[in-house]
């Protein structure tokens, strides 16, 4: 636009050099000073509309009910400080996210929810079929996000039980990702109760039996006990296996991410997939066509409009 008006200014200066404006107007009766401006604005509006068309405008949204076959699965992730140990590279929490991310990628029509737990349990993400949201919430999980430390697996199982739908025939499963440092028998009892309610409990163990120290973030030090000794956290495989056995599921170690995902997926595939209904929002009504038509009409009008007045229409005062 600036260049257009700059051109008009230059043109006006050149005309002034040739003579008085009123006199020049009488010598050039067919010249119009308004038409070039009208043609420019028509082109400008048409270009703006074409840019809008290229953006693919959509108006409105609607809620649709989508039917699919799948299961409902709650994933419980241990976020106690022991998950910072790097006896499994790069550390237990990073390996948990890696394995769980791959497991979520294999979900097609299944519903998944996330619970984080340490000395207590909290819902991180309710049940959903939105895989993108699940991975987003997964990335935000970090050790220490639950203030009460410990490893209360029973609390995570009980909370998971309340997250499943009450629809009959839908298969339910719980996947617990932990290092198993829970010295209470309540976790095994909770897994038994879950199985009695028709919910299988699978466990993925993180860490090594030899264990490792727990680094303190931002320092080169490790967590110590009251006597000043460095705390060594170890994978409690027996506890993990007992919980999985009591819950009618499988226990796998996350040493090899691919093998762990394969074993869990195989176990989950055994569950019967039933019809489920999910409400989703979808965009609709592409609106580019109407803008494209208006832009085309404006371009045609600009092409038909001459810079000079038509002698045959000199008595018609459109401009």
C-alpha atoms as a PDB file:
ATOM      1  CA  UNK A   1       0.000   0.000   0.000  1.00  0.00           C
ATOM      2  CA  UNK A   2       2.855   2.348   0.816  1.00  0.00           C
ATOM      3  CA  UNK A   3       4.433   1.754  -2.600  1.00  0.00           C
ATOM      4  CA  UNK A   4       1.119   2.454  -4.324  1.00  0.00           C
ATOM      5  CA  UNK A   5       0.697   5.842  -2.655  1.00  0.00           C
ATOM      6  CA  UNK A   6       4.371   6.620  -3.207  1.00  0.00           C
ATOM      7  CA  UNK A   7       3.769   6.032  -6.928  1.00  0.00           C
ATOM      8  CA  UNK A   8       0.775   8.386  -6.890  1.00  0.00           C
ATOM      9  CA  UNK A   9       2.863  11.110  -5.256  1.00  0.00           C
ATOM     10  CA  UNK A  10       5.614  10.742  -7.886  1.00  0.00           C
ATOM     11  CA  UNK A  11       2.993  10.826 -10.654  1.00  0.00           C
ATOM     12  CA  UNK A  12       1.422  13.983  -9.187  1.00  0.00           C
ATOM     13  CA  UNK A  13       4.808  15.737  -9.021  1.00  0.00           C
ATOM     14  CA  UNK A  14       5.518  14.917 -12.651  1.00  0.00           C
ATOM     15  CA  UNK A  15       2.123  16.306 -13.731  1.00  0.00           C
ATOM     16  CA  UNK A  16       2.801  19.548 -11.847  1.00  0.00           C
ATOM     17  CA  UNK A  17       5.965  20.006 -13.851  1.00  0.00           C
ATOM     18  CA  UNK A  18       3.904  19.831 -17.053  1.00  0.00           C
ATOM     19  CA  UNK A  19       1.418  22.507 -16.047  1.00  0.00           C
ATOM     20  CA  UNK A  20      -1.524  23.500 -13.875  1.00  0.00           C
ATOM     21  CA  UNK A  21      -3.683  20.601 -12.700  1.00  0.00           C
ATOM     22  CA  UNK A  22      -7.021  22.142 -13.843  1.00  0.00           C
ATOM     23  CA  UNK A  23      -5.631  22.792 -17.317  1.00  0.00           C
ATOM     24  CA  UNK A  24      -4.203  19.303 -17.621  1.00  0.00           C
ATOM     25  CA  UNK A  25      -7.564  17.853 -16.597  1.00  0.00           C
ATOM     26  CA  UNK A  26      -9.236  19.610 -19.526  1.00  0.00           C
ATOM     27  CA  UNK A  27      -6.575  18.245 -21.872  1.00  0.00           C
ATOM     28  CA  UNK A  28      -7.064  14.668 -20.514  1.00  0.00           C
ATOM     29  CA  UNK A  29     -10.832  14.346 -20.018  1.00  0.00           C
ATOM     30  CA  UNK A  30     -10.756  10.534 -20.074  1.00  0.00           C
ATOM     31  CA  UNK A  31      -8.183  10.219 -17.288  1.00  0.00           C
ATOM     32  CA  UNK A  32      -9.637   9.170 -13.936  1.00  0.00           C
ATOM     33  CA  UNK A  33      -7.909   9.775 -10.620  1.00  0.00           C
ATOM     34  CA  UNK A  34     -10.301   7.544  -8.681  1.00  0.00           C
ATOM     35  CA  UNK A  35     -10.286   4.407 -10.846  1.00  0.00           C
ATOM     36  CA  UNK A  36      -6.616   3.446 -10.127  1.00  0.00           C
ATOM     37  CA  UNK A  37      -7.372   3.671  -6.429  1.00  0.00           C
ATOM     38  CA  UNK A  38     -10.502   1.542  -6.810  1.00  0.00           C
ATOM     39  CA  UNK A  39      -8.541  -1.066  -8.823  1.00  0.00           C
ATOM     40  CA  UNK A  40      -5.825  -1.131  -6.165  1.00  0.00           C
ATOM     41  CA  UNK A  41      -8.269  -1.661  -3.300  1.00  0.00           C
ATOM     42  CA  UNK A  42     -10.106  -4.374  -5.226  1.00  0.00           C
ATOM     43  CA  UNK A  43      -6.792  -6.202  -5.728  1.00  0.00           C
ATOM     44  CA  UNK A  44      -5.853  -5.703  -2.087  1.00  0.00           C
ATOM     45  CA  UNK A  45      -9.144  -7.089  -0.797  1.00  0.00           C
ATOM     46  CA  UNK A  46      -8.952 -10.026  -3.244  1.00  0.00           C
ATOM     47  CA  UNK A  47      -5.399 -10.836  -2.088  1.00  0.00           C
ATOM     48  CA  UNK A  48      -6.492 -10.705   1.558  1.00  0.00           C
ATOM     49  CA  UNK A  49      -9.350 -13.103   0.827  1.00  0.00           C
ATOM     50  CA  UNK A  50      -7.024 -15.492  -1.023  1.00  0.00           C
ATOM     51  CA  UNK A  51      -4.659 -15.564   1.972  1.00  0.00           C
ATOM     52  CA  UNK A  52      -7.674 -16.344   4.158  1.00  0.00           C
ATOM     53  CA  UNK A  53      -8.672 -19.128   1.743  1.00  0.00           C
ATOM     54  CA  UNK A  54      -5.168 -20.611   1.914  1.00  0.00           C
ATOM     55  CA  UNK A  55      -5.449 -20.738   5.718  1.00  0.00           C
ATOM     56  CA  UNK A  56      -8.437 -23.092   5.356  1.00  0.00           C
ATOM     57  CA  UNK A  57     -10.985 -21.400   7.650  1.00  0.00           C
ATOM     58  CA  UNK A  58     -13.384 -23.641   9.556  1.00  0.00           C
ATOM     59  CA  UNK A  59     -16.299 -22.477  11.666  1.00  0.00           C
ATOM     60  CA  UNK A  60     -18.227 -24.372  14.285  1.00  0.00           C
ATOM     61  CA  UNK A  61     -17.664 -27.596  16.177  1.00  0.00           C
ATOM     62  CA  UNK A  62     -19.854 -30.485  17.092  1.00  0.00           C
ATOM     63  CA  UNK A  63     -19.807 -33.288  19.593  1.00  0.00           C
ATOM     64  CA  UNK A  64     -19.921 -36.757  18.108  1.00  0.00           C
ATOM     65  CA  UNK A  65     -20.271 -40.155  19.715  1.00  0.00           C
ATOM     66  CA  UNK A  66     -17.667 -42.544  18.316  1.00  0.00           C
ATOM     67  CA  UNK A  67     -18.029 -46.288  18.818  1.00  0.00           C
ATOM     68  CA  UNK A  68     -14.950 -48.485  19.056  1.00  0.00           C
ATOM     69  CA  UNK A  69     -13.693 -51.684  20.656  1.00  0.00           C
ATOM     70  CA  UNK A  70     -11.096 -51.631  23.395  1.00  0.00           C
ATOM     71  CA  UNK A  71     -10.305 -51.938  27.089  1.00  0.00           C
ATOM     72  CA  UNK A  72      -9.902 -49.515  29.984  1.00  0.00           C
ATOM     73  CA  UNK A  73      -6.444 -49.287  31.534  1.00  0.00           C
ATOM     74  CA  UNK A  74      -5.130 -47.276  34.461  1.00  0.00           C
ATOM     75  CA  UNK A  75      -1.375 -46.722  34.670  1.00  0.00           C
ATOM     76  CA  UNK A  76       0.083 -46.050  38.138  1.00  0.00           C
ATOM     77  CA  UNK A  77       3.568 -44.506  38.128  1.00  0.00           C
ATOM     78  CA  UNK A  78       5.814 -44.456  41.172  1.00  0.00           C
ATOM     79  CA  UNK A  79       7.160 -40.901  41.670  1.00  0.00           C
ATOM     80  CA  UNK A  80       8.992 -41.451  44.937  1.00  0.00           C
ATOM     81  CA  UNK A  81      12.556 -40.132  45.237  1.00  0.00           C
ATOM     82  CA  UNK A  82      13.976 -43.625  44.686  1.00  0.00           C
ATOM     83  CA  UNK A  83      12.891 -43.291  41.019  1.00  0.00           C
ATOM     84  CA  UNK A  84      15.792 -40.835  40.593  1.00  0.00           C
ATOM     85  CA  UNK A  85      18.322 -43.635  40.968  1.00  0.00           C
ATOM     86  CA  UNK A  86      20.389 -44.222  37.846  1.00  0.00           C
ATOM     87  CA  UNK A  87      21.037 -47.947  38.319  1.00  0.00           C
ATOM     88  CA  UNK A  88      18.909 -48.150  35.148  1.00  0.00           C
ATOM     89  CA  UNK A  89      20.153 -45.643  32.574  1.00  0.00           C
ATOM     90  CA  UNK A  90      19.510 -42.779  32.267  1.00  0.00           C
ATOM     91  CA  UNK A  91      17.468 -43.176  35.459  1.00  0.00           C
ATOM     92  CA  UNK A  92      14.423 -45.109  36.604  1.00  0.00           C
ATOM     93  CA  UNK A  93      11.909 -42.349  35.900  1.00  0.00           C
ATOM     94  CA  UNK A  94      13.229 -41.664  32.403  1.00  0.00           C
ATOM     95  CA  UNK A  95      13.087 -45.386  31.617  1.00  0.00           C
ATOM     96  CA  UNK A  96       9.508 -45.538  32.953  1.00  0.00           C
ATOM     97  CA  UNK A  97       8.458 -42.692  30.644  1.00  0.00           C
ATOM     98  CA  UNK A  98      10.218 -44.317  27.710  1.00  0.00           C
ATOM     99  CA  UNK A  99       8.487 -47.673  28.174  1.00  0.00           C
ATOM    100  CA  UNK A 100       5.095 -46.158  28.935  1.00  0.00           C
ATOM    101  CA  UNK A 101       5.335 -43.858  25.905  1.00  0.00           C
ATOM    102  CA  UNK A 102       5.873 -46.866  23.655  1.00  0.00           C
ATOM    103  CA  UNK A 103       3.026 -48.730  25.325  1.00  0.00           C
ATOM    104  CA  UNK A 104       0.655 -45.777  24.778  1.00  0.00           C
ATOM    105  CA  UNK A 105       1.685 -45.646  21.109  1.00  0.00           C
ATOM    106  CA  UNK A 106       0.400 -49.204  20.735  1.00  0.00           C
ATOM    107  CA  UNK A 107      -3.018 -48.278  22.092  1.00  0.00           C
ATOM    108  CA  UNK A 108      -5.574 -47.842  19.336  1.00  0.00           C
ATOM    109  CA  UNK A 109      -9.081 -47.625  20.712  1.00  0.00           C
ATOM    110  CA  UNK A 110      -8.342 -48.326  24.362  1.00  0.00           C
ATOM    111  CA  UNK A 111      -8.960 -45.859  27.160  1.00  0.00           C
ATOM    112  CA  UNK A 112      -6.045 -44.963  29.416  1.00  0.00           C
ATOM    113  CA  UNK A 113      -5.681 -42.937  32.621  1.00  0.00           C
ATOM    114  CA  UNK A 114      -2.647 -41.938  34.715  1.00  0.00           C
ATOM    115  CA  UNK A 115      -2.136 -41.991  38.480  1.00  0.00           C
ATOM    116  CA  UNK A 116       1.034 -40.859  40.246  1.00  0.00           C
ATOM    117  CA  UNK A 117       1.868 -42.186  43.678  1.00  0.00           C
ATOM    118  CA  UNK A 118       4.500 -42.141  46.394  1.00  0.00           C
ATOM    119  CA  UNK A 119       3.324 -42.088  50.024  1.00  0.00           C
ATOM    120  CA  UNK A 120      -0.093 -41.143  48.597  1.00  0.00           C
ATOM    121  CA  UNK A 121      -1.793 -41.362  45.194  1.00  0.00           C
ATOM    122  CA  UNK A 122      -3.227 -38.671  42.912  1.00  0.00           C
ATOM    123  CA  UNK A 123      -5.018 -38.748  39.575  1.00  0.00           C
ATOM    124  CA  UNK A 124      -2.788 -37.159  36.957  1.00  0.00           C
ATOM    125  CA  UNK A 125      -5.122 -37.787  33.998  1.00  0.00           C
ATOM    126  CA  UNK A 126      -8.660 -39.248  33.964  1.00  0.00           C
ATOM    127  CA  UNK A 127      -9.593 -42.027  31.554  1.00  0.00           C
ATOM    128  CA  UNK A 128      -9.354 -40.909  27.922  1.00  0.00           C
ATOM    129  CA  UNK A 129      -8.799 -42.165  24.380  1.00  0.00           C
ATOM    130  CA  UNK A 130      -6.735 -39.078  23.560  1.00  0.00           C
ATOM    131  CA  UNK A 131      -3.239 -40.532  23.132  1.00  0.00           C
ATOM    132  CA  UNK A 132      -1.741 -37.081  22.565  1.00  0.00           C
ATOM    133  CA  UNK A 133      -3.007 -35.838  25.925  1.00  0.00           C
ATOM    134  CA  UNK A 134      -1.761 -38.989  27.637  1.00  0.00           C
ATOM    135  CA  UNK A 135       1.774 -38.423  26.348  1.00  0.00           C
ATOM    136  CA  UNK A 136       1.612 -34.734  27.291  1.00  0.00           C
ATOM    137  CA  UNK A 137       0.681 -35.592  30.878  1.00  0.00           C
ATOM    138  CA  UNK A 138       3.325 -38.312  30.891  1.00  0.00           C
ATOM    139  CA  UNK A 139       6.053 -35.803  30.028  1.00  0.00           C
ATOM    140  CA  UNK A 140       5.058 -33.601  32.977  1.00  0.00           C
ATOM    141  CA  UNK A 141       5.529 -36.384  35.539  1.00  0.00           C
ATOM    142  CA  UNK A 142       8.608 -36.104  37.748  1.00  0.00           C
ATOM    143  CA  UNK A 143       9.859 -37.614  41.025  1.00  0.00           C
ATOM    144  CA  UNK A 144       8.892 -35.676  44.106  1.00  0.00           C
ATOM    145  CA  UNK A 145       5.626 -34.287  42.670  1.00  0.00           C
ATOM    146  CA  UNK A 146       3.857 -36.078  45.526  1.00  0.00           C
ATOM    147  CA  UNK A 147       4.971 -34.396  48.747  1.00  0.00           C
ATOM    148  CA  UNK A 148       4.367 -37.393  51.008  1.00  0.00           C
ATOM    149  CA  UNK A 149       7.241 -39.770  50.340  1.00  0.00           C
ATOM    150  CA  UNK A 150       7.035 -43.556  50.435  1.00  0.00           C
ATOM    151  CA  UNK A 151       5.679 -46.199  48.057  1.00  0.00           C
ATOM    152  CA  UNK A 152       2.008 -46.825  48.776  1.00  0.00           C
ATOM    153  CA  UNK A 153       1.088 -49.181  45.930  1.00  0.00           C
ATOM    154  CA  UNK A 154      -2.157 -50.219  47.646  1.00  0.00           C
ATOM    155  CA  UNK A 155      -3.404 -46.622  47.582  1.00  0.00           C
ATOM    156  CA  UNK A 156      -2.714 -46.414  43.836  1.00  0.00           C
ATOM    157  CA  UNK A 157      -4.621 -49.666  43.176  1.00  0.00           C
ATOM    158  CA  UNK A 158      -7.626 -48.542  45.222  1.00  0.00           C
ATOM    159  CA  UNK A 159      -7.743 -45.173  43.450  1.00  0.00           C
ATOM    160  CA  UNK A 160      -7.530 -46.896  40.071  1.00  0.00           C
ATOM    161  CA  UNK A 161     -10.558 -49.021  40.911  1.00  0.00           C
ATOM    162  CA  UNK A 162     -12.652 -45.884  41.232  1.00  0.00           C
ATOM    163  CA  UNK A 163     -11.643 -44.602  37.785  1.00  0.00           C
ATOM    164  CA  UNK A 164     -13.132 -47.408  35.684  1.00  0.00           C
ATOM    165  CA  UNK A 165     -16.540 -47.087  34.064  1.00  0.00           C
ATOM    166  CA  UNK A 166     -19.454 -49.123  35.343  1.00  0.00           C
ATOM    167  CA  UNK A 167     -20.446 -50.390  31.911  1.00  0.00           C
ATOM    168  CA  UNK A 168     -20.833 -54.148  31.879  1.00  0.00           C
ATOM    169  CA  UNK A 169     -18.549 -56.239  29.725  1.00  0.00           C
ATOM    170  CA  UNK A 170     -15.666 -53.736  29.515  1.00  0.00           C
ATOM    171  CA  UNK A 171     -12.297 -55.278  30.384  1.00  0.00           C
ATOM    172  CA  UNK A 172     -10.300 -53.400  33.030  1.00  0.00           C
ATOM    173  CA  UNK A 173      -6.595 -53.564  33.785  1.00  0.00           C
ATOM    174  CA  UNK A 174      -4.069 -51.786  36.016  1.00  0.00           C
ATOM    175  CA  UNK A 175      -0.393 -51.362  35.100  1.00  0.00           C
ATOM    176  CA  UNK A 176       1.891 -50.420  37.999  1.00  0.00           C
ATOM    177  CA  UNK A 177       5.347 -49.020  37.227  1.00  0.00           C
ATOM    178  CA  UNK A 178       7.498 -49.065  40.356  1.00  0.00           C
ATOM    179  CA  UNK A 179      10.742 -50.177  41.960  1.00  0.00           C
ATOM    180  CA  UNK A 180       8.668 -52.157  44.477  1.00  0.00           C
ATOM    181  CA  UNK A 181      10.079 -50.587  47.639  1.00  0.00           C
ATOM    182  CA  UNK A 182       6.783 -51.061  49.448  1.00  0.00           C
ATOM    183  CA  UNK A 183       7.269 -53.068  52.615  1.00  0.00           C
ATOM    184  CA  UNK A 184       3.567 -53.318  53.411  1.00  0.00           C
ATOM    185  CA  UNK A 185       1.422 -56.379  52.645  1.00  0.00           C
ATOM    186  CA  UNK A 186      -1.518 -54.099  51.777  1.00  0.00           C
ATOM    187  CA  UNK A 187      -0.447 -53.937  48.119  1.00  0.00           C
ATOM    188  CA  UNK A 188      -0.870 -57.702  47.653  1.00  0.00           C
ATOM    189  CA  UNK A 189      -4.269 -57.615  49.375  1.00  0.00           C
ATOM    190  CA  UNK A 190      -5.368 -54.681  47.179  1.00  0.00           C
ATOM    191  CA  UNK A 191      -4.312 -56.598  44.058  1.00  0.00           C
ATOM    192  CA  UNK A 192      -6.364 -59.623  45.216  1.00  0.00           C
ATOM    193  CA  UNK A 193      -9.428 -57.433  45.724  1.00  0.00           C
ATOM    194  CA  UNK A 194      -8.944 -55.906  42.285  1.00  0.00           C
ATOM    195  CA  UNK A 195      -8.835 -59.349  40.683  1.00  0.00           C
ATOM    196  CA  UNK A 196     -12.000 -60.368  42.534  1.00  0.00           C
ATOM    197  CA  UNK A 197     -13.665 -57.308  40.958  1.00  0.00           C
ATOM    198  CA  UNK A 198     -12.538 -58.416  37.501  1.00  0.00           C
ATOM    199  CA  UNK A 199      -9.530 -56.071  37.215  1.00  0.00           C
ATOM    200  CA  UNK A 200      -6.132 -57.557  36.347  1.00  0.00           C
ATOM    201  CA  UNK A 201      -3.000 -56.003  37.855  1.00  0.00           C
ATOM    202  CA  UNK A 202       0.284 -55.985  35.923  1.00  0.00           C
ATOM    203  CA  UNK A 203       3.582 -54.748  37.335  1.00  0.00           C
ATOM    204  CA  UNK A 204       6.656 -53.343  35.628  1.00  0.00           C
ATOM    205  CA  UNK A 205       9.760 -53.320  37.800  1.00  0.00           C
ATOM    206  CA  UNK A 206      12.342 -50.554  37.514  1.00  0.00           C
ATOM    207  CA  UNK A 207      15.863 -50.767  38.850  1.00  0.00           C
ATOM    208  CA  UNK A 208      18.278 -53.581  39.623  1.00  0.00           C
ATOM    209  CA  UNK A 209      18.528 -55.968  42.593  1.00  0.00           C
ATOM    210  CA  UNK A 210      22.006 -54.514  43.261  1.00  0.00           C
ATOM    211  CA  UNK A 211      20.462 -51.044  43.391  1.00  0.00           C
ATOM    212  CA  UNK A 212      22.089 -47.651  43.441  1.00  0.00           C
ATOM    213  CA  UNK A 213      22.213 -44.374  45.382  1.00  0.00           C
ATOM    214  CA  UNK A 214      19.623 -41.597  45.031  1.00  0.00           C
ATOM    215  CA  UNK A 215      21.220 -38.409  43.684  1.00  0.00           C
ATOM    216  CA  UNK A 216      20.173 -35.043  45.074  1.00  0.00           C
ATOM    217  CA  UNK A 217      19.143 -32.840  42.168  1.00  0.00           C
ATOM    218  CA  UNK A 218      21.499 -29.930  41.492  1.00  0.00           C
ATOM    219  CA  UNK A 219      24.322 -31.369  43.577  1.00  0.00           C
ATOM    220  CA  UNK A 220      26.934 -34.126  43.419  1.00  0.00           C
ATOM    221  CA  UNK A 221      25.669 -35.623  46.659  1.00  0.00           C
ATOM    222  CA  UNK A 222      23.388 -38.562  47.423  1.00  0.00           C
ATOM    223  CA  UNK A 223      20.550 -38.986  49.885  1.00  0.00           C
ATOM    224  CA  UNK A 224      21.634 -40.300  53.274  1.00  0.00           C
ATOM    225  CA  UNK A 225      19.911 -41.876  56.252  1.00  0.00           C
ATOM    226  CA  UNK A 226      19.866 -40.484  59.798  1.00  0.00           C
ATOM    227  CA  UNK A 227      23.242 -42.085  60.532  1.00  0.00           C
ATOM    228  CA  UNK A 228      24.814 -40.340  57.557  1.00  0.00           C
ATOM    229  CA  UNK A 229      25.079 -43.438  55.361  1.00  0.00           C
ATOM    230  CA  UNK A 230      24.287 -43.200  51.637  1.00  0.00           C
ATOM    231  CA  UNK A 231      20.888 -44.761  50.929  1.00  0.00           C
ATOM    232  CA  UNK A 232      20.951 -47.601  48.413  1.00  0.00           C
ATOM    233  CA  UNK A 233      17.614 -48.242  46.736  1.00  0.00           C
ATOM    234  CA  UNK A 234      17.029 -51.682  45.223  1.00  0.00           C
ATOM    235  CA  UNK A 235      14.395 -53.211  42.997  1.00  0.00           C
ATOM    236  CA  UNK A 236      12.159 -55.424  45.136  1.00  0.00           C
ATOM    237  CA  UNK A 237      11.394 -58.054  42.513  1.00  0.00           C
ATOM    238  CA  UNK A 238       9.699 -60.393  44.964  1.00  0.00           C
ATOM    239  CA  UNK A 239       7.199 -57.734  45.985  1.00  0.00           C
ATOM    240  CA  UNK A 240       6.494 -56.834  42.334  1.00  0.00           C
ATOM    241  CA  UNK A 241       6.028 -60.483  41.375  1.00  0.00           C
ATOM    242  CA  UNK A 242       3.735 -61.122  44.363  1.00  0.00           C
ATOM    243  CA  UNK A 243       1.499 -58.155  43.455  1.00  0.00           C
ATOM    244  CA  UNK A 244       1.251 -59.280  39.819  1.00  0.00           C
ATOM    245  CA  UNK A 245       0.468 -62.867  40.849  1.00  0.00           C
ATOM    246  CA  UNK A 246      -2.208 -61.727  43.305  1.00  0.00           C
ATOM    247  CA  UNK A 247      -3.733 -59.491  40.608  1.00  0.00           C
ATOM    248  CA  UNK A 248      -3.767 -62.174  37.918  1.00  0.00           C
ATOM    249  CA  UNK A 249      -1.351 -60.247  35.730  1.00  0.00           C
ATOM    250  CA  UNK A 250       2.297 -60.426  34.712  1.00  0.00           C
ATOM    251  CA  UNK A 251       5.496 -59.012  36.128  1.00  0.00           C
ATOM    252  CA  UNK A 252       8.119 -57.662  33.725  1.00  0.00           C
ATOM    253  CA  UNK A 253      11.385 -55.821  34.228  1.00  0.00           C
ATOM    254  CA  UNK A 254      12.066 -52.668  32.276  1.00  0.00           C
ATOM    255  CA  UNK A 255      15.745 -53.457  31.616  1.00  0.00           C
ATOM    256  CA  UNK A 256      14.907 -53.807  27.945  1.00  0.00           C
ATOM    257  CA  UNK A 257      12.189 -51.353  26.898  1.00  0.00           C
ATOM    258  CA  UNK A 258      11.158 -53.301  23.796  1.00  0.00           C
ATOM    259  CA  UNK A 259      10.825 -56.605  25.647  1.00  0.00           C
ATOM    260  CA  UNK A 260       8.867 -54.958  28.466  1.00  0.00           C
ATOM    261  CA  UNK A 261       6.397 -53.313  26.060  1.00  0.00           C
ATOM    262  CA  UNK A 262       6.037 -56.527  24.083  1.00  0.00           C
ATOM    263  CA  UNK A 263       5.270 -58.575  27.210  1.00  0.00           C
ATOM    264  CA  UNK A 264       2.745 -56.061  28.553  1.00  0.00           C
ATOM    265  CA  UNK A 265       1.045 -55.643  25.173  1.00  0.00           C
ATOM    266  CA  UNK A 266       0.740 -59.418  24.836  1.00  0.00           C
ATOM    267  CA  UNK A 267      -0.923 -59.640  28.244  1.00  0.00           C
ATOM    268  CA  UNK A 268      -3.311 -56.759  27.536  1.00  0.00           C
ATOM    269  CA  UNK A 269      -4.238 -58.274  24.168  1.00  0.00           C
ATOM    270  CA  UNK A 270      -5.607 -61.297  26.014  1.00  0.00           C
ATOM    271  CA  UNK A 271      -8.349 -59.140  27.497  1.00  0.00           C
ATOM    272  CA  UNK A 272     -11.644 -59.127  25.659  1.00  0.00           C
ATOM    273  CA  UNK A 273     -12.248 -55.935  23.729  1.00  0.00           C
ATOM    274  CA  UNK A 274     -15.813 -54.690  23.961  1.00  0.00           C
ATOM    275  CA  UNK A 275     -17.815 -51.924  22.317  1.00  0.00           C
ATOM    276  CA  UNK A 276     -17.287 -48.535  23.944  1.00  0.00           C
ATOM    277  CA  UNK A 277     -18.675 -45.111  23.134  1.00  0.00           C
ATOM    278  CA  UNK A 278     -16.648 -41.918  23.377  1.00  0.00           C
ATOM    279  CA  UNK A 279     -17.732 -38.319  22.863  1.00  0.00           C
ATOM    280  CA  UNK A 280     -15.310 -36.312  20.754  1.00  0.00           C
ATOM    281  CA  UNK A 281     -15.320 -32.782  19.380  1.00  0.00           C
ATOM    282  CA  UNK A 282     -14.713 -32.397  15.658  1.00  0.00           C
ATOM    283  CA  UNK A 283     -14.349 -29.389  13.388  1.00  0.00           C
ATOM    284  CA  UNK A 284     -16.649 -29.120  10.419  1.00  0.00           C
ATOM    285  CA  UNK A 285     -17.954 -26.775   7.709  1.00  0.00           C
ATOM    286  CA  UNK A 286     -15.035 -25.672   5.548  1.00  0.00           C
ATOM    287  CA  UNK A 287     -15.613 -21.985   4.800  1.00  0.00           C
ATOM    288  CA  UNK A 288     -12.956 -21.285   2.167  1.00  0.00           C
ATOM    289  CA  UNK A 289     -15.286 -21.703  -0.844  1.00  0.00           C
ATOM    290  CA  UNK A 290     -17.369 -18.571  -0.205  1.00  0.00           C
ATOM    291  CA  UNK A 291     -14.253 -16.438   0.288  1.00  0.00           C
ATOM    292  CA  UNK A 292     -12.707 -17.868  -2.895  1.00  0.00           C
ATOM    293  CA  UNK A 293     -15.816 -16.939  -4.916  1.00  0.00           C
ATOM    294  CA  UNK A 294     -15.773 -13.354  -3.605  1.00  0.00           C
ATOM    295  CA  UNK A 295     -12.042 -13.071  -4.333  1.00  0.00           C
ATOM    296  CA  UNK A 296     -12.587 -14.321  -7.907  1.00  0.00           C
ATOM    297  CA  UNK A 297     -15.374 -11.794  -8.501  1.00  0.00           C
ATOM    298  CA  UNK A 298     -13.204  -8.967  -7.203  1.00  0.00           C
ATOM    299  CA  UNK A 299     -10.324 -10.004  -9.487  1.00  0.00           C
ATOM    300  CA  UNK A 300     -12.645 -10.121 -12.502  1.00  0.00           C
ATOM    301  CA  UNK A 301     -14.058  -6.702 -11.609  1.00  0.00           C
ATOM    302  CA  UNK A 302     -10.552  -5.276 -11.270  1.00  0.00           C
ATOM    303  CA  UNK A 303      -9.599  -6.651 -14.692  1.00  0.00           C
ATOM    304  CA  UNK A 304     -12.717  -5.220 -16.348  1.00  0.00           C
ATOM    305  CA  UNK A 305     -12.279  -1.821 -14.769  1.00  0.00           C
ATOM    306  CA  UNK A 306     -10.087   0.421 -16.967  1.00  0.00           C
ATOM    307  CA  UNK A 307      -7.817   3.177 -15.692  1.00  0.00           C
ATOM    308  CA  UNK A 308      -9.415   5.613 -18.146  1.00  0.00           C
ATOM    309  CA  UNK A 309     -13.059   6.560 -18.474  1.00  0.00           C
ATOM    310  CA  UNK A 310     -15.024   4.851 -21.225  1.00  0.00           C
ATOM    311  CA  UNK A 311     -16.264   7.535 -23.705  1.00  0.00           C
ATOM    312  CA  UNK A 312     -19.459   5.569 -24.244  1.00  0.00           C
ATOM    313  CA  UNK A 313     -20.204   5.775 -20.503  1.00  0.00           C
ATOM    314  CA  UNK A 314     -18.961   9.301 -19.885  1.00  0.00           C
ATOM    315  CA  UNK A 315     -22.403  10.421 -18.660  1.00  0.00           C
ATOM    316  CA  UNK A 316     -22.579   7.577 -16.088  1.00  0.00           C
ATOM    317  CA  UNK A 317     -21.030   8.848 -12.859  1.00  0.00           C
ATOM    318  CA  UNK A 318     -20.036   5.695 -10.962  1.00  0.00           C
ATOM    319  CA  UNK A 319     -16.948   7.259  -9.438  1.00  0.00           C
END
